[in-house]
Amino acid sequence: MKQLIILLLLIIAFSIGFGKYQEYKRYNAPNVNYKTTKKLDLDYYNQETVLNYYKAIEDVNSFVKMQWTANDIDVRTPEDDTEKTKLAVKKYANKLAIIKYYESKLENSQILKANGLNNKEIQFLEETGTNFKAYQKSLAKNKIKRMFNPDKALINGHKTAFIYEIQKQLNKKGFEITTDGVYKIETLNAIKIFEEKNNLFADGVLDILTLDTLFE
């Protein structure tokens, strides 16, 4: 009889303890705050995107805690596959996807800034849909074009950085000529052949049309 009473007391104590534990567990969610290890540009040109990123984090954190305390569901590592749990996990995945979207933009901006770009240049890339390599190529092309003076004819034996860049580009187009920056018959003939192949006026003299075609 005495042993039965002790057993009943143990069962009652366990039930009370388990209930207290469940109550504690319900209202004391573990550390569920979202964190990232990615390097993000928080000085991004569009600060509304940064604000939306923080809002998305707060939204997912609140959702995780609410599901834990109100429904006893850990959407990060669910323990069952009830319809209620599946729906909560799906909503969590959608909210997480929003965070990942903003993170990808901010991470890419940080990478571009590490390569020397500023906010204005990054905005240009995003708005035009230009990738970084194409942008670099465009910058290099424009620098070379600014060296071109249509009013100054190239003279045989003349040596300049502009001629050197032209020779490099001709080699990229399949010509095998010396890249020494010296304008001579070899370079003139290569330009002339290039013009012929591209349906340009083949006189071997650089003009803006030849230059644009050469650097396409």
C-alpha atoms as a PDB file:
ATOM      1  CA  MET A   1       0.000   0.000   0.000  1.00  0.00           C
ATOM      2  CA  LYS A   2       2.783   2.371   0.954  1.00  0.00           C
ATOM      3  CA  GLN A   3       4.614   1.633  -2.321  1.00  0.00           C
ATOM      4  CA  LEU A   4       1.439   2.315  -4.318  1.00  0.00           C
ATOM      5  CA  ILE A   5       1.018   5.693  -2.634  1.00  0.00           C
ATOM      6  CA  ILE A   6       4.656   6.585  -3.409  1.00  0.00           C
ATOM      7  CA  LEU A   7       4.161   5.535  -7.030  1.00  0.00           C
ATOM      8  CA  LEU A   8       1.039   7.683  -7.325  1.00  0.00           C
ATOM      9  CA  LEU A   9       2.864  10.653  -5.806  1.00  0.00           C
ATOM     10  CA  LEU A  10       5.713  10.192  -8.282  1.00  0.00           C
ATOM     11  CA  ILE A  11       3.250  10.086 -11.175  1.00  0.00           C
ATOM     12  CA  ILE A  12       1.520  13.233  -9.931  1.00  0.00           C
ATOM     13  CA  ALA A  13       4.885  14.996  -9.453  1.00  0.00           C
ATOM     14  CA  PHE A  14       5.993  13.978 -12.929  1.00  0.00           C
ATOM     15  CA  SER A  15       2.733  15.202 -14.456  1.00  0.00           C
ATOM     16  CA  ILE A  16       3.013  18.545 -12.703  1.00  0.00           C
ATOM     17  CA  GLY A  17       6.690  18.864 -13.627  1.00  0.00           C
ATOM     18  CA  PHE A  18       6.058  17.968 -17.246  1.00  0.00           C
ATOM     19  CA  GLY A  19       3.227  20.481 -17.441  1.00  0.00           C
ATOM     20  CA  LYS A  20       5.456  23.192 -16.008  1.00  0.00           C
ATOM     21  CA  TYR A  21       8.169  22.243 -18.487  1.00  0.00           C
ATOM     22  CA  GLN A  22       5.736  22.440 -21.404  1.00  0.00           C
ATOM     23  CA  GLU A  23       4.547  25.839 -20.205  1.00  0.00           C
ATOM     24  CA  TYR A  24       8.136  27.037 -19.823  1.00  0.00           C
ATOM     25  CA  LYS A  25       9.056  25.661 -23.238  1.00  0.00           C
ATOM     26  CA  ARG A  26       6.052  27.347 -24.829  1.00  0.00           C
ATOM     27  CA  TYR A  27       6.834  30.814 -23.513  1.00  0.00           C
ATOM     28  CA  ASN A  28      10.617  30.625 -23.614  1.00  0.00           C
ATOM     29  CA  ALA A  29      11.592  29.987 -27.209  1.00  0.00           C
ATOM     30  CA  PRO A  30      15.261  29.253 -27.906  1.00  0.00           C
ATOM     31  CA  ASN A  31      17.479  31.793 -29.647  1.00  0.00           C
ATOM     32  CA  VAL A  32      15.844  31.871 -33.064  1.00  0.00           C
ATOM     33  CA  ASN A  33      17.108  35.225 -34.324  1.00  0.00           C
ATOM     34  CA  TYR A  34      18.212  34.996 -37.945  1.00  0.00           C
ATOM     35  CA  LYS A  35      21.923  35.535 -38.563  1.00  0.00           C
ATOM     36  CA  THR A  36      24.052  35.547 -41.693  1.00  0.00           C
ATOM     37  CA  THR A  37      27.754  34.993 -42.285  1.00  0.00           C
ATOM     38  CA  LYS A  38      27.695  36.842 -45.605  1.00  0.00           C
ATOM     39  CA  LYS A  39      29.393  40.206 -46.060  1.00  0.00           C
ATOM     40  CA  LEU A  40      26.681  42.691 -46.986  1.00  0.00           C
ATOM     41  CA  ASP A  41      26.781  46.270 -48.239  1.00  0.00           C
ATOM     42  CA  LEU A  42      24.696  48.181 -45.717  1.00  0.00           C
ATOM     43  CA  ASP A  43      25.660  51.424 -47.489  1.00  0.00           C
ATOM     44  CA  TYR A  44      23.830  50.187 -50.599  1.00  0.00           C
ATOM     45  CA  TYR A  45      22.685  52.957 -52.951  1.00  0.00           C
ATOM     46  CA  ASN A  46      19.037  52.064 -52.342  1.00  0.00           C
ATOM     47  CA  GLN A  47      18.597  52.342 -48.579  1.00  0.00           C
ATOM     48  CA  GLU A  48      14.981  51.180 -48.871  1.00  0.00           C
ATOM     49  CA  THR A  49      16.365  47.762 -49.813  1.00  0.00           C
ATOM     50  CA  VAL A  50      18.482  47.712 -46.642  1.00  0.00           C
ATOM     51  CA  LEU A  51      15.439  48.697 -44.577  1.00  0.00           C
ATOM     52  CA  ASN A  52      13.319  45.995 -46.216  1.00  0.00           C
ATOM     53  CA  TYR A  53      16.060  43.476 -45.473  1.00  0.00           C
ATOM     54  CA  TYR A  54      15.917  44.284 -41.758  1.00  0.00           C
ATOM     55  CA  LYS A  55      12.111  44.189 -41.836  1.00  0.00           C
ATOM     56  CA  ALA A  56      12.217  40.748 -43.450  1.00  0.00           C
ATOM     57  CA  ILE A  57      14.525  39.504 -40.682  1.00  0.00           C
ATOM     58  CA  GLU A  58      12.214  40.849 -37.981  1.00  0.00           C
ATOM     59  CA  ASP A  59       9.262  39.253 -39.744  1.00  0.00           C
ATOM     60  CA  VAL A  60      10.849  35.800 -39.888  1.00  0.00           C
ATOM     61  CA  ASN A  61      12.064  36.011 -36.288  1.00  0.00           C
ATOM     62  CA  SER A  62       8.576  36.934 -35.059  1.00  0.00           C
ATOM     63  CA  PHE A  63       7.016  34.176 -37.125  1.00  0.00           C
ATOM     64  CA  VAL A  64       9.366  31.505 -35.747  1.00  0.00           C
ATOM     65  CA  LYS A  65       8.685  32.595 -32.139  1.00  0.00           C
ATOM     66  CA  MET A  66       4.947  32.797 -32.690  1.00  0.00           C
ATOM     67  CA  GLN A  67       4.773  29.300 -34.160  1.00  0.00           C
ATOM     68  CA  TRP A  68       6.829  28.008 -31.249  1.00  0.00           C
ATOM     69  CA  THR A  69       4.815  29.657 -28.461  1.00  0.00           C
ATOM     70  CA  ALA A  70       1.319  29.496 -29.979  1.00  0.00           C
ATOM     71  CA  ASN A  71       1.406  26.207 -31.885  1.00  0.00           C
ATOM     72  CA  ASP A  72       4.394  24.358 -30.397  1.00  0.00           C
ATOM     73  CA  ILE A  73       5.922  24.125 -33.899  1.00  0.00           C
ATOM     74  CA  ASP A  74       9.615  24.604 -34.609  1.00  0.00           C
ATOM     75  CA  VAL A  75       9.419  25.572 -38.277  1.00  0.00           C
ATOM     76  CA  ARG A  76      13.207  25.281 -38.636  1.00  0.00           C
ATOM     77  CA  THR A  77      13.289  21.607 -37.619  1.00  0.00           C
ATOM     78  CA  PRO A  78       9.695  20.337 -37.483  1.00  0.00           C
ATOM     79  CA  GLU A  79       9.065  17.161 -35.517  1.00  0.00           C
ATOM     80  CA  ASP A  80       5.892  16.057 -37.325  1.00  0.00           C
ATOM     81  CA  ASP A  81       4.243  16.371 -40.725  1.00  0.00           C
ATOM     82  CA  THR A  82       0.729  17.464 -39.887  1.00  0.00           C
ATOM     83  CA  GLU A  83      -1.027  19.813 -42.300  1.00  0.00           C
ATOM     84  CA  LYS A  84      -0.707  22.626 -39.777  1.00  0.00           C
ATOM     85  CA  THR A  85       3.026  22.053 -39.518  1.00  0.00           C
ATOM     86  CA  LYS A  86       3.457  21.803 -43.288  1.00  0.00           C
ATOM     87  CA  LEU A  87       1.628  25.100 -43.785  1.00  0.00           C
ATOM     88  CA  ALA A  88       3.767  26.828 -41.147  1.00  0.00           C
ATOM     89  CA  VAL A  89       6.985  25.463 -42.639  1.00  0.00           C
ATOM     90  CA  LYS A  90       5.911  26.628 -46.107  1.00  0.00           C
ATOM     91  CA  LYS A  91       5.231  30.143 -44.822  1.00  0.00           C
ATOM     92  CA  TYR A  92       8.610  30.137 -43.089  1.00  0.00           C
ATOM     93  CA  ALA A  93      10.353  29.112 -46.327  1.00  0.00           C
ATOM     94  CA  ASN A  94       8.644  31.960 -48.205  1.00  0.00           C
ATOM     95  CA  LYS A  95       9.705  34.496 -45.589  1.00  0.00           C
ATOM     96  CA  LEU A  96      13.244  33.129 -45.651  1.00  0.00           C
ATOM     97  CA  ALA A  97      13.312  33.435 -49.442  1.00  0.00           C
ATOM     98  CA  ILE A  98      12.619  37.169 -49.140  1.00  0.00           C
ATOM     99  CA  ILE A  99      15.618  37.542 -46.837  1.00  0.00           C
ATOM    100  CA  LYS A 100      17.820  35.592 -49.266  1.00  0.00           C
ATOM    101  CA  TYR A 101      16.684  37.835 -52.123  1.00  0.00           C
ATOM    102  CA  TYR A 102      17.751  40.996 -50.312  1.00  0.00           C
ATOM    103  CA  GLU A 103      20.951  39.341 -49.140  1.00  0.00           C
ATOM    104  CA  SER A 104      21.947  38.437 -52.699  1.00  0.00           C
ATOM    105  CA  LYS A 105      21.624  42.087 -53.785  1.00  0.00           C
ATOM    106  CA  LEU A 106      23.545  43.422 -50.798  1.00  0.00           C
ATOM    107  CA  GLU A 107      26.233  40.737 -51.047  1.00  0.00           C
ATOM    108  CA  ASN A 108      26.743  41.398 -54.763  1.00  0.00           C
ATOM    109  CA  SER A 109      27.014  45.135 -54.107  1.00  0.00           C
ATOM    110  CA  GLN A 110      29.668  44.471 -51.456  1.00  0.00           C
ATOM    111  CA  ILE A 111      31.669  42.366 -53.932  1.00  0.00           C
ATOM    112  CA  LEU A 112      31.465  45.084 -56.583  1.00  0.00           C
ATOM    113  CA  LYS A 113      32.632  47.717 -54.113  1.00  0.00           C
ATOM    114  CA  ALA A 114      35.570  45.488 -53.196  1.00  0.00           C
ATOM    115  CA  ASN A 115      36.436  45.669 -56.909  1.00  0.00           C
ATOM    116  CA  GLY A 116      36.444  49.475 -56.837  1.00  0.00           C
ATOM    117  CA  LEU A 117      32.906  50.381 -57.921  1.00  0.00           C
ATOM    118  CA  ASN A 118      30.837  53.052 -56.195  1.00  0.00           C
ATOM    119  CA  ASN A 119      27.098  53.279 -55.571  1.00  0.00           C
ATOM    120  CA  LYS A 120      26.437  55.200 -58.763  1.00  0.00           C
ATOM    121  CA  GLU A 121      28.225  52.604 -60.894  1.00  0.00           C
ATOM    122  CA  ILE A 122      26.446  49.732 -59.154  1.00  0.00           C
ATOM    123  CA  GLN A 123      23.097  51.412 -59.747  1.00  0.00           C
ATOM    124  CA  PHE A 124      23.997  51.773 -63.431  1.00  0.00           C
ATOM    125  CA  LEU A 125      24.851  48.054 -63.677  1.00  0.00           C
ATOM    126  CA  GLU A 126      21.575  46.998 -62.082  1.00  0.00           C
ATOM    127  CA  GLU A 127      19.390  49.366 -64.084  1.00  0.00           C
ATOM    128  CA  THR A 128      20.975  48.467 -67.428  1.00  0.00           C
ATOM    129  CA  GLY A 129      21.359  44.748 -66.728  1.00  0.00           C
ATOM    130  CA  THR A 130      25.062  44.945 -67.574  1.00  0.00           C
ATOM    131  CA  ASN A 131      27.367  42.435 -65.903  1.00  0.00           C
ATOM    132  CA  PHE A 132      30.631  43.458 -64.272  1.00  0.00           C
ATOM    133  CA  LYS A 133      32.929  42.058 -66.994  1.00  0.00           C
ATOM    134  CA  ALA A 134      30.969  43.801 -69.734  1.00  0.00           C
ATOM    135  CA  TYR A 135      31.101  47.013 -67.729  1.00  0.00           C
ATOM    136  CA  GLN A 136      34.883  46.758 -67.327  1.00  0.00           C
ATOM    137  CA  LYS A 137      35.233  46.090 -71.040  1.00  0.00           C
ATOM    138  CA  SER A 138      33.085  49.112 -71.816  1.00  0.00           C
ATOM    139  CA  LEU A 139      35.196  51.341 -69.548  1.00  0.00           C
ATOM    140  CA  ALA A 140      38.416  50.148 -71.181  1.00  0.00           C
ATOM    141  CA  LYS A 141      36.970  50.705 -74.645  1.00  0.00           C
ATOM    142  CA  ASN A 142      35.863  54.242 -73.790  1.00  0.00           C
ATOM    143  CA  LYS A 143      39.297  55.075 -72.380  1.00  0.00           C
ATOM    144  CA  ILE A 144      40.938  54.001 -75.635  1.00  0.00           C
ATOM    145  CA  LYS A 145      38.390  55.852 -77.743  1.00  0.00           C
ATOM    146  CA  ARG A 146      39.086  59.046 -75.811  1.00  0.00           C
ATOM    147  CA  MET A 147      42.714  58.730 -76.902  1.00  0.00           C
ATOM    148  CA  PHE A 148      41.627  58.866 -80.551  1.00  0.00           C
ATOM    149  CA  ASN A 149      41.948  62.234 -82.308  1.00  0.00           C
ATOM    150  CA  PRO A 150      40.195  62.155 -85.719  1.00  0.00           C
ATOM    151  CA  ASP A 151      41.878  65.424 -86.696  1.00  0.00           C
ATOM    152  CA  LYS A 152      45.361  64.027 -86.175  1.00  0.00           C
ATOM    153  CA  ALA A 153      46.500  61.559 -88.820  1.00  0.00           C
ATOM    154  CA  LEU A 154      48.689  58.626 -87.811  1.00  0.00           C
ATOM    155  CA  ILE A 155      52.215  59.049 -89.133  1.00  0.00           C
ATOM    156  CA  ASN A 156      54.501  56.186 -90.107  1.00  0.00           C
ATOM    157  CA  GLY A 157      56.963  55.558 -87.302  1.00  0.00           C
ATOM    158  CA  HIS A 158      54.846  57.401 -84.753  1.00  0.00           C
ATOM    159  CA  LYS A 159      54.781  55.649 -81.350  1.00  0.00           C
ATOM    160  CA  THR A 160      51.890  56.060 -78.889  1.00  0.00           C
ATOM    161  CA  ALA A 161      49.944  54.157 -76.253  1.00  0.00           C
ATOM    162  CA  PHE A 162      46.878  54.438 -78.505  1.00  0.00           C
ATOM    163  CA  ILE A 163      48.609  52.555 -81.335  1.00  0.00           C
ATOM    164  CA  TYR A 164      49.742  49.930 -78.820  1.00  0.00           C
ATOM    165  CA  GLU A 165      46.110  49.321 -77.783  1.00  0.00           C
ATOM    166  CA  ILE A 166      45.045  49.106 -81.424  1.00  0.00           C
ATOM    167  CA  GLN A 167      47.731  46.501 -82.107  1.00  0.00           C
ATOM    168  CA  LYS A 168      46.631  44.483 -79.071  1.00  0.00           C
ATOM    169  CA  GLN A 169      43.026  44.513 -80.279  1.00  0.00           C
ATOM    170  CA  LEU A 170      44.036  43.506 -83.806  1.00  0.00           C
ATOM    171  CA  ASN A 171      45.871  40.523 -82.359  1.00  0.00           C
ATOM    172  CA  LYS A 172      42.741  39.568 -80.439  1.00  0.00           C
ATOM    173  CA  LYS A 173      40.902  39.633 -83.771  1.00  0.00           C
ATOM    174  CA  GLY A 174      43.294  37.085 -85.221  1.00  0.00           C
ATOM    175  CA  PHE A 175      46.062  39.246 -86.698  1.00  0.00           C
ATOM    176  CA  GLU A 176      49.646  38.426 -85.820  1.00  0.00           C
ATOM    177  CA  ILE A 177      51.406  41.748 -85.689  1.00  0.00           C
ATOM    178  CA  THR A 178      54.038  43.284 -83.435  1.00  0.00           C
ATOM    179  CA  THR A 179      52.662  45.074 -80.363  1.00  0.00           C
ATOM    180  CA  ASP A 180      55.235  47.803 -79.887  1.00  0.00           C
ATOM    181  CA  GLY A 181      53.055  50.916 -80.184  1.00  0.00           C
ATOM    182  CA  VAL A 182      54.784  51.947 -83.444  1.00  0.00           C
ATOM    183  CA  TYR A 183      52.574  52.790 -86.395  1.00  0.00           C
ATOM    184  CA  LYS A 184      54.072  51.201 -89.507  1.00  0.00           C
ATOM    185  CA  ILE A 185      53.033  49.393 -92.677  1.00  0.00           C
ATOM    186  CA  GLU A 186      52.335  46.162 -90.779  1.00  0.00           C
ATOM    187  CA  THR A 187      49.737  47.857 -88.608  1.00  0.00           C
ATOM    188  CA  LEU A 188      48.253  49.806 -91.544  1.00  0.00           C
ATOM    189  CA  ASN A 189      47.820  46.621 -93.601  1.00  0.00           C
ATOM    190  CA  ALA A 190      46.187  44.817 -90.678  1.00  0.00           C
ATOM    191  CA  ILE A 191      43.722  47.680 -90.258  1.00  0.00           C
ATOM    192  CA  LYS A 192      42.978  47.626 -93.987  1.00  0.00           C
ATOM    193  CA  ILE A 193      42.312  43.878 -94.014  1.00  0.00           C
ATOM    194  CA  PHE A 194      40.112  44.249 -90.947  1.00  0.00           C
ATOM    195  CA  GLU A 195      38.102  46.968 -92.698  1.00  0.00           C
ATOM    196  CA  GLU A 196      37.671  44.786 -95.786  1.00  0.00           C
ATOM    197  CA  LYS A 197      36.380  41.863 -93.696  1.00  0.00           C
ATOM    198  CA  ASN A 198      33.873  44.106 -91.946  1.00  0.00           C
ATOM    199  CA  ASN A 199      32.527  45.923 -95.032  1.00  0.00           C
ATOM    200  CA  LEU A 200      34.153  49.219 -94.099  1.00  0.00           C
ATOM    201  CA  PHE A 201      35.999  51.639 -96.367  1.00  0.00           C
ATOM    202  CA  ALA A 202      39.315  49.800 -96.657  1.00  0.00           C
ATOM    203  CA  ASP A 203      41.963  52.511 -96.651  1.00  0.00           C
ATOM    204  CA  GLY A 204      43.924  51.381 -93.605  1.00  0.00           C
ATOM    205  CA  VAL A 205      43.178  54.681 -91.886  1.00  0.00           C
ATOM    206  CA  LEU A 206      41.523  54.620 -88.487  1.00  0.00           C
ATOM    207  CA  ASP A 207      38.208  56.419 -88.192  1.00  0.00           C
ATOM    208  CA  ILE A 208      35.438  56.213 -85.626  1.00  0.00           C
ATOM    209  CA  LEU A 209      33.553  53.493 -87.527  1.00  0.00           C
ATOM    210  CA  THR A 210      36.644  51.282 -87.739  1.00  0.00           C
ATOM    211  CA  LEU A 211      37.428  51.927 -84.101  1.00  0.00           C
ATOM    212  CA  ASP A 212      33.894  51.030 -82.943  1.00  0.00           C
ATOM    213  CA  THR A 213      33.892  47.827 -84.992  1.00  0.00           C
ATOM    214  CA  LEU A 214      37.356  46.869 -83.798  1.00  0.00           C
ATOM    215  CA  PHE A 215      36.295  47.051 -80.155  1.00  0.00           C
ATOM    216  CA  GLU A 216      32.910  45.342 -80.463  1.00  0.00           C
END
